[in-house]
C-alpha atoms as a PDB file:
ATOM      1  CA  MET A   1      -8.205 -90.753-222.731  1.00  0.00           C
ATOM      2  CA  LEU A   2      -7.668 -87.012-222.292  1.00  0.00           C
ATOM      3  CA  SER A   3      -9.216 -84.744-224.921  1.00  0.00           C
ATOM      4  CA  PHE A   4      -8.156 -81.176-225.581  1.00  0.00           C
ATOM      5  CA  GLU A   5     -11.613 -80.085-224.442  1.00  0.00           C
ATOM      6  CA  ASP A   6     -11.168 -81.913-221.120  1.00  0.00           C
ATOM      7  CA  LEU A   7      -7.739 -80.383-220.514  1.00  0.00           C
ATOM      8  CA  ALA A   8      -8.986 -76.893-221.365  1.00  0.00           C
ATOM      9  CA  SER A   9     -11.897 -77.300-218.940  1.00  0.00           C
ATOM     10  CA  ARG A  10      -9.609 -78.517-216.153  1.00  0.00           C
ATOM     11  CA  LEU A  11      -7.288 -75.544-216.664  1.00  0.00           C
ATOM     12  CA  ALA A  12     -10.174 -73.074-216.848  1.00  0.00           C
ATOM     13  CA  HIS A  13     -11.542 -74.348-213.539  1.00  0.00           C
ATOM     14  CA  GLY A  14      -8.098 -74.666-211.991  1.00  0.00           C
ATOM     15  CA  GLN A  15      -4.677 -73.153-212.656  1.00  0.00           C
ATOM     16  CA  LEU A  16      -5.855 -70.636-215.284  1.00  0.00           C
ATOM     17  CA  LYS A  17      -9.086 -69.631-213.557  1.00  0.00           C
ATOM     18  CA  ASN A  18      -7.993 -66.077-212.702  1.00  0.00           C
ATOM     19  CA  THR A  19      -6.047 -65.367-215.884  1.00  0.00           C
ATOM     20  CA  ALA A  20      -6.973 -63.625-219.130  1.00  0.00           C
ATOM     21  CA  ALA A  21      -7.393 -67.026-220.749  1.00  0.00           C
ATOM     22  CA  VAL A  22     -10.733 -67.590-218.995  1.00  0.00           C
ATOM     23  CA  GLU A  23     -13.818 -65.532-219.816  1.00  0.00           C
ATOM     24  CA  ASP A  24     -15.184 -63.700-216.743  1.00  0.00           C
ATOM     25  CA  ASP A  25     -18.783 -64.178-217.834  1.00  0.00           C
ATOM     26  CA  ASN A  26     -18.310 -67.767-218.952  1.00  0.00           C
ATOM     27  CA  LEU A  27     -16.206 -69.438-216.280  1.00  0.00           C
ATOM     28  CA  GLY A  28     -14.948 -72.871-217.140  1.00  0.00           C
ATOM     29  CA  TYR A  29     -14.111 -72.099-220.773  1.00  0.00           C
ATOM     30  CA  ILE A  30     -10.906 -70.917-222.409  1.00  0.00           C
ATOM     31  CA  CYS A  31     -11.287 -67.730-224.450  1.00  0.00           C
ATOM     32  CA  PRO A  32     -11.207 -68.563-228.182  1.00  0.00           C
ATOM     33  CA  GLU A  33      -8.170 -66.358-228.841  1.00  0.00           C
ATOM     34  CA  PHE A  34      -6.126 -68.398-226.335  1.00  0.00           C
ATOM     35  CA  VAL A  35      -7.168 -71.818-227.621  1.00  0.00           C
ATOM     36  CA  PRO A  36      -4.301 -72.098-230.182  1.00  0.00           C
ATOM     37  CA  THR A  37      -1.763 -71.292-227.459  1.00  0.00           C
ATOM     38  CA  ILE A  38      -3.191 -73.855-225.042  1.00  0.00           C
ATOM     39  CA  LEU A  39      -3.313 -76.451-227.821  1.00  0.00           C
ATOM     40  CA  SER A  40       0.306 -75.773-228.787  1.00  0.00           C
ATOM     41  CA  LEU A  41       1.446 -76.092-225.172  1.00  0.00           C
ATOM     42  CA  MET A  42      -0.554 -79.307-224.790  1.00  0.00           C
ATOM     43  CA  ASN A  43       1.221 -80.849-227.785  1.00  0.00           C
ATOM     44  CA  GLN A  44       4.554 -79.637-226.418  1.00  0.00           C
ATOM     45  CA  GLY A  45       3.782 -81.272-223.079  1.00  0.00           C
ATOM     46  CA  ILE A  46       2.752 -84.532-224.734  1.00  0.00           C
ATOM     47  CA  VAL A  47       6.109 -84.651-226.507  1.00  0.00           C
ATOM     48  CA  ASP A  48       7.938 -84.014-223.230  1.00  0.00           C
ATOM     49  CA  LEU A  49       6.069 -86.817-221.469  1.00  0.00           C
ATOM     50  CA  ALA A  50       6.395 -89.212-224.424  1.00  0.00           C
ATOM     51  CA  THR A  51      10.149 -88.645-224.364  1.00  0.00           C
ATOM     52  CA  ARG A  52      10.412 -89.205-220.615  1.00  0.00           C
ATOM     53  CA  PHE A  53       8.110 -92.249-220.470  1.00  0.00           C
ATOM     54  CA  PRO A  54       7.694 -95.118-222.966  1.00  0.00           C
ATOM     55  CA  VAL A  55       3.908 -94.817-222.963  1.00  0.00           C
ATOM     56  CA  PHE A  56       3.679 -94.792-226.771  1.00  0.00           C
ATOM     57  CA  LYS A  57       5.244 -97.725-228.567  1.00  0.00           C
ATOM     58  CA  SER A  58       5.273 -99.192-232.010  1.00  0.00           C
ATOM     59  CA  GLN A  59       7.168-101.886-233.857  1.00  0.00           C
ATOM     60  CA  VAL A  60       8.800-102.536-237.180  1.00  0.00           C
ATOM     61  CA  ASP A  61      10.233-105.693-238.739  1.00  0.00           C
ATOM     62  CA  VAL A  62      13.724-105.881-240.216  1.00  0.00           C
ATOM     63  CA  THR A  63      14.710-108.618-242.677  1.00  0.00           C
ATOM     64  CA  PHE A  64      18.443-109.258-242.745  1.00  0.00           C
ATOM     65  CA  ILE A  65      20.380-108.896-245.996  1.00  0.00           C
ATOM     66  CA  PRO A  66      23.504-111.057-246.472  1.00  0.00           C
ATOM     67  CA  GLY A  67      26.658-109.019-246.013  1.00  0.00           C
ATOM     68  CA  GLN A  68      24.823-106.015-244.547  1.00  0.00           C
ATOM     69  CA  ASN A  69      25.401-104.985-240.943  1.00  0.00           C
ATOM     70  CA  ILE A  70      23.850-101.511-240.697  1.00  0.00           C
ATOM     71  CA  TYR A  71      20.082-101.070-240.934  1.00  0.00           C
ATOM     72  CA  PRO A  72      18.639 -97.510-240.867  1.00  0.00           C
ATOM     73  CA  LEU A  73      15.093 -97.959-239.620  1.00  0.00           C
ATOM     74  CA  LYS A  74      13.763 -95.066-241.709  1.00  0.00           C
ATOM     75  CA  GLU A  75      14.623 -96.656-245.049  1.00  0.00           C
ATOM     76  CA  ALA A  76      11.655 -97.346-247.284  1.00  0.00           C
ATOM     77  CA  GLY A  77      10.853-101.013-247.646  1.00  0.00           C
ATOM     78  CA  LEU A  78      12.959-102.067-244.687  1.00  0.00           C
ATOM     79  CA  GLY A  79      10.026-103.625-242.897  1.00  0.00           C
ATOM     80  CA  THR A  80       6.359-103.267-242.069  1.00  0.00           C
ATOM     81  CA  TYR A  81       4.351-102.663-238.949  1.00  0.00           C
ATOM     82  CA  LEU A  82       2.422-105.652-237.680  1.00  0.00           C
ATOM     83  CA  GLU A  83      -0.786-103.677-237.477  1.00  0.00           C
ATOM     84  CA  ASP A  84      -3.791-103.490-239.792  1.00  0.00           C
ATOM     85  CA  THR A  85      -2.072-100.859-241.940  1.00  0.00           C
ATOM     86  CA  PRO A  86       1.261-102.446-242.948  1.00  0.00           C
ATOM     87  CA  GLU A  87       1.836 -99.739-245.554  1.00  0.00           C
ATOM     88  CA  GLU A  88       2.213 -97.097-242.804  1.00  0.00           C
ATOM     89  CA  PRO A  89       5.688 -95.524-243.125  1.00  0.00           C
ATOM     90  CA  PHE A  90       8.250 -95.416-240.355  1.00  0.00           C
ATOM     91  CA  LEU A  91       7.969 -91.897-238.898  1.00  0.00           C
ATOM     92  CA  ASP A  92      11.516 -90.922-238.014  1.00  0.00           C
ATOM     93  CA  LYS A  93      10.451 -87.595-236.474  1.00  0.00           C
ATOM     94  CA  GLN A  94       8.227 -89.467-234.027  1.00  0.00           C
ATOM     95  CA  PHE A  95      10.939 -91.985-233.096  1.00  0.00           C
ATOM     96  CA  VAL A  96      12.488 -91.667-229.617  1.00  0.00           C
ATOM     97  CA  ARG A  97      14.584 -94.780-229.007  1.00  0.00           C
ATOM     98  CA  ILE A  98      14.765 -98.526-229.462  1.00  0.00           C
ATOM     99  CA  LEU A  99      13.421-100.404-226.459  1.00  0.00           C
ATOM    100  CA  ASP A 100      14.173-104.013-227.351  1.00  0.00           C
ATOM    101  CA  LEU A 101      13.981-106.536-230.154  1.00  0.00           C
ATOM    102  CA  PHE A 102      12.642-110.031-230.712  1.00  0.00           C
ATOM    103  CA  ASP A 103      14.322-112.756-232.720  1.00  0.00           C
ATOM    104  CA  GLU A 104      12.614-115.114-235.146  1.00  0.00           C
ATOM    105  CA  THR A 105      11.464-117.409-232.328  1.00  0.00           C
ATOM    106  CA  GLY A 106       9.859-114.554-230.398  1.00  0.00           C
ATOM    107  CA  ALA A 107      12.552-114.333-227.692  1.00  0.00           C
ATOM    108  CA  ARG A 108      13.388-110.849-226.479  1.00  0.00           C
ATOM    109  CA  HIS A 109      16.900-109.426-226.790  1.00  0.00           C
ATOM    110  CA  THR A 110      18.300-106.167-225.450  1.00  0.00           C
ATOM    111  CA  VAL A 111      20.370-103.795-227.552  1.00  0.00           C
ATOM    112  CA  ASN A 112      23.968-102.736-226.870  1.00  0.00           C
ATOM    113  CA  THR A 113      25.027-106.146-225.558  1.00  0.00           C
ATOM    114  CA  ASN A 114      28.664-107.233-225.932  1.00  0.00           C
ATOM    115  CA  GLY A 115      29.082-105.066-229.001  1.00  0.00           C
ATOM    116  CA  HIS A 116      26.992-107.341-231.223  1.00  0.00           C
ATOM    117  CA  ILE A 117      23.998-104.992-231.369  1.00  0.00           C
ATOM    118  CA  LEU A 118      24.727-101.269-231.405  1.00  0.00           C
ATOM    119  CA  THR A 119      22.822 -98.091-232.196  1.00  0.00           C
ATOM    120  CA  PRO A 120      25.227 -95.817-234.120  1.00  0.00           C
ATOM    121  CA  THR A 121      22.399 -93.293-234.360  1.00  0.00           C
ATOM    122  CA  HIS A 122      19.078 -93.194-232.532  1.00  0.00           C
ATOM    123  CA  SER A 123      17.221 -94.853-235.440  1.00  0.00           C
ATOM    124  CA  THR A 124      19.921 -97.112-236.837  1.00  0.00           C
ATOM    125  CA  LEU A 125      20.945-100.630-235.834  1.00  0.00           C
ATOM    126  CA  ARG A 126      24.361-102.172-236.366  1.00  0.00           C
ATOM    127  CA  ILE A 127      24.240-105.942-235.948  1.00  0.00           C
ATOM    128  CA  THR A 128      27.255-108.190-236.408  1.00  0.00           C
ATOM    129  CA  THR A 129      27.059-111.061-238.876  1.00  0.00           C
ATOM    130  CA  ALA A 130      27.426-113.578-236.059  1.00  0.00           C
ATOM    131  CA  LYS A 131      24.501-112.045-234.197  1.00  0.00           C
ATOM    132  CA  GLN A 132      22.346-112.020-237.327  1.00  0.00           C
ATOM    133  CA  GLU A 133      22.976-115.739-237.754  1.00  0.00           C
ATOM    134  CA  GLU A 134      21.947-116.256-234.133  1.00  0.00           C
ATOM    135  CA  LEU A 135      18.781-114.177-234.423  1.00  0.00           C
ATOM    136  CA  GLY A 136      17.472-115.750-237.625  1.00  0.00           C
ATOM    137  CA  ALA A 137      16.254-114.281-240.889  1.00  0.00           C
ATOM    138  CA  LYS A 138      14.471-111.275-239.422  1.00  0.00           C
ATOM    139  CA  ILE A 139      13.768-109.449-236.197  1.00  0.00           C
ATOM    140  CA  ARG A 140      11.068-107.264-234.720  1.00  0.00           C
ATOM    141  CA  ILE A 141      12.047-103.895-233.272  1.00  0.00           C
ATOM    142  CA  ARG A 142      10.001-102.442-230.412  1.00  0.00           C
ATOM    143  CA  TYR A 143      10.545 -98.710-230.085  1.00  0.00           C
ATOM    144  CA  GLN A 144       9.373 -95.717-228.093  1.00  0.00           C
ATOM    145  CA  GLN A 145       7.664 -93.004-230.101  1.00  0.00           C
ATOM    146  CA  LYS A 146       6.028 -89.620-229.827  1.00  0.00           C
ATOM    147  CA  PRO A 147       2.405 -89.370-230.958  1.00  0.00           C
ATOM    148  CA  LEU A 148       1.450 -87.043-233.778  1.00  0.00           C
ATOM    149  CA  PRO A 149       0.130 -83.612-232.701  1.00  0.00           C
ATOM    150  CA  ILE A 150      -3.572 -83.388-231.927  1.00  0.00           C
ATOM    151  CA  ASP A 151      -6.027 -80.666-232.937  1.00  0.00           C
ATOM    152  CA  GLU A 152      -8.859 -79.044-230.993  1.00  0.00           C
ATOM    153  CA  ASN A 153     -11.036 -82.116-231.509  1.00  0.00           C
ATOM    154  CA  GLY A 154      -8.307 -84.585-230.657  1.00  0.00           C
ATOM    155  CA  SER A 155      -7.336 -86.569-227.590  1.00  0.00           C
ATOM    156  CA  VAL A 156      -4.329 -88.403-226.205  1.00  0.00           C
ATOM    157  CA  ASP A 157      -4.242 -91.704-224.341  1.00  0.00           C
ATOM    158  CA  LEU A 158      -2.084 -91.073-221.272  1.00  0.00           C
ATOM    159  CA  PRO A 159      -1.871 -92.977-217.973  1.00  0.00           C
ATOM    160  CA  PRO A 160      -4.067 -91.112-215.444  1.00  0.00           C
ATOM    161  CA  ASN A 161      -1.117 -89.909-213.400  1.00  0.00           C
ATOM    162  CA  LEU A 162       0.439 -88.265-216.442  1.00  0.00           C
ATOM    163  CA  GLU A 163      -2.766 -86.400-217.256  1.00  0.00           C
ATOM    164  CA  THR A 164      -2.149 -84.339-214.113  1.00  0.00           C
ATOM    165  CA  ALA A 165       1.453 -83.832-215.159  1.00  0.00           C
ATOM    166  CA  LEU A 166       0.351 -82.538-218.560  1.00  0.00           C
ATOM    167  CA  GLN A 167      -2.063 -80.101-216.903  1.00  0.00           C
ATOM    168  CA  LEU A 168       0.747 -78.734-214.709  1.00  0.00           C
ATOM    169  CA  PHE A 169       3.078 -78.437-217.716  1.00  0.00           C
ATOM    170  CA  VAL A 170       0.601 -76.397-219.763  1.00  0.00           C
ATOM    171  CA  ALA A 171      -0.284 -74.142-216.821  1.00  0.00           C
ATOM    172  CA  ALA A 172       3.384 -73.554-216.016  1.00  0.00           C
ATOM    173  CA  LEU A 173       4.366 -72.438-219.498  1.00  0.00           C
ATOM    174  CA  PHE A 174       1.228 -70.401-220.147  1.00  0.00           C
ATOM    175  CA  ILE A 175       1.487 -68.404-216.938  1.00  0.00           C
ATOM    176  CA  SER A 176       5.271 -67.955-217.280  1.00  0.00           C
ATOM    177  CA  HIS A 177       4.743 -66.376-220.692  1.00  0.00           C
ATOM    178  CA  MET A 178       2.356 -63.749-219.301  1.00  0.00           C
ATOM    179  CA  GLY A 179       5.343 -61.550-218.543  1.00  0.00           C
ATOM    180  CA  SER A 180       5.164 -60.079-215.057  1.00  0.00           C
ATOM    181  CA  PRO A 181       7.498 -61.131-212.220  1.00  0.00           C
ATOM    182  CA  GLU A 182       4.491 -62.491-210.352  1.00  0.00           C
ATOM    183  CA  HIS A 183       3.483 -64.611-213.318  1.00  0.00           C
ATOM    184  CA  SER A 184       7.035 -65.854-213.786  1.00  0.00           C
ATOM    185  CA  ALA A 185       7.170 -66.910-210.142  1.00  0.00           C
ATOM    186  CA  LYS A 186       3.793 -68.629-210.376  1.00  0.00           C
ATOM    187  CA  GLY A 187       4.783 -70.378-213.598  1.00  0.00           C
ATOM    188  CA  ASP A 188       8.037 -71.555-212.033  1.00  0.00           C
ATOM    189  CA  SER A 189       6.051 -72.911-209.101  1.00  0.00           C
ATOM    190  CA  TYR A 190       3.820 -74.940-211.402  1.00  0.00           C
ATOM    191  CA  TYR A 191       6.790 -76.181-213.406  1.00  0.00           C
ATOM    192  CA  GLY A 192       8.475 -77.276-210.196  1.00  0.00           C
ATOM    193  CA  ALA A 193       5.297 -79.162-209.308  1.00  0.00           C
ATOM    194  CA  TYR A 194       5.403 -80.759-212.769  1.00  0.00           C
ATOM    195  CA  LEU A 195       8.990 -81.933-212.292  1.00  0.00           C
ATOM    196  CA  ARG A 196       8.200 -83.317-208.846  1.00  0.00           C
ATOM    197  CA  HIS A 197       5.157 -85.092-210.240  1.00  0.00           C
ATOM    198  CA  VAL A 198       7.028 -86.814-213.068  1.00  0.00           C
ATOM    199  CA  GLY A 199       9.950 -87.535-210.752  1.00  0.00           C
ATOM    200  CA  GLU A 200       7.672 -89.342-208.325  1.00  0.00           C
ATOM    201  CA  ASP A 201       6.085 -91.184-211.224  1.00  0.00           C
ATOM    202  CA  GLU A 202       9.491 -92.383-212.434  1.00  0.00           C
ATOM    203  CA  GLN A 203      10.592 -93.341-208.912  1.00  0.00           C
ATOM    204  CA  LYS A 204       7.452 -95.317-208.131  1.00  0.00           C
ATOM    205  CA  ASP A 205       6.999 -96.593-211.705  1.00  0.00           C
ATOM    206  CA  LEU A 206       3.373 -95.451-211.664  1.00  0.00           C
ATOM    207  CA  SER A 207       2.885 -95.152-215.420  1.00  0.00           C
ATOM    208  CA  SER A 208       4.740 -98.238-216.580  1.00  0.00           C
ATOM    209  CA  THR A 209       3.195-100.718-218.974  1.00  0.00           C
ATOM    210  CA  SER A 210       3.663-104.452-218.669  1.00  0.00           C
ATOM    211  CA  GLU A 211       5.217-106.607-221.369  1.00  0.00           C
ATOM    212  CA  VAL A 212       4.992-110.297-222.141  1.00  0.00           C
ATOM    213  CA  ASP A 213       7.762-112.307-223.745  1.00  0.00           C
ATOM    214  CA  GLU A 214       5.539-114.046-226.254  1.00  0.00           C
ATOM    215  CA  ASN A 215       3.591-112.103-228.850  1.00  0.00           C
ATOM    216  CA  GLU A 216       0.704-113.979-230.456  1.00  0.00           C
ATOM    217  CA  LYS A 217       0.915-111.632-233.429  1.00  0.00           C
ATOM    218  CA  PHE A 218       4.151-113.382-234.370  1.00  0.00           C
ATOM    219  CA  TYR A 219       2.086-116.382-235.348  1.00  0.00           C
ATOM    220  CA  ALA A 220      -1.112-114.619-236.395  1.00  0.00           C
ATOM    221  CA  ARG A 221       0.770-112.476-238.912  1.00  0.00           C
ATOM    222  CA  GLY A 222       3.061-115.236-240.155  1.00  0.00           C
ATOM    223  CA  PHE A 223       6.229-113.891-238.555  1.00  0.00           C
ATOM    224  CA  VAL A 224       7.398-117.421-237.673  1.00  0.00           C
END
């Protein structure tokens, strides 16, 4: 779990140590006037990483309606999360993409297979009548999402390798925005390091999360 305070301390002791963002007489701390900028860049970096990697996931249930083939996931009353707060709305602005779905028996299915399951838009499913009959009365959608922005007291749960990537991202953009050619070059260097870092992570699958085909919540929450 990486808090804003932790990230700010890492930057103050590292990439931003010799910049105006760090107080000369209080090394290790970001100057208060730069805190909003660092926080904004941190949230921007979290969004970038959450879009590149499926580290944040959620799920929503869809109950089929006879004669209906298109199901916009953002519609009110379409389904509920299988968490302790089922009234939580589907947050379309936080939605990235559909990862997979489970039928009524708990078996996983991929999307975009043989034209029976399509995504006309990023948050809409089109399922043929034949496929709906095969899947059962309802399905569970697993999707990739972006977390909500954090504040100065907040934190984000990232895989350890991506914490370093986030630090490089924030340093790159902050220093690039300082204006001078030297700062632009230094910022570009950090951003290149960020891209290499996430590229290696993707290649080696360092921040992946494991999945299991059976979900006990199906039974605990009365899904089947």
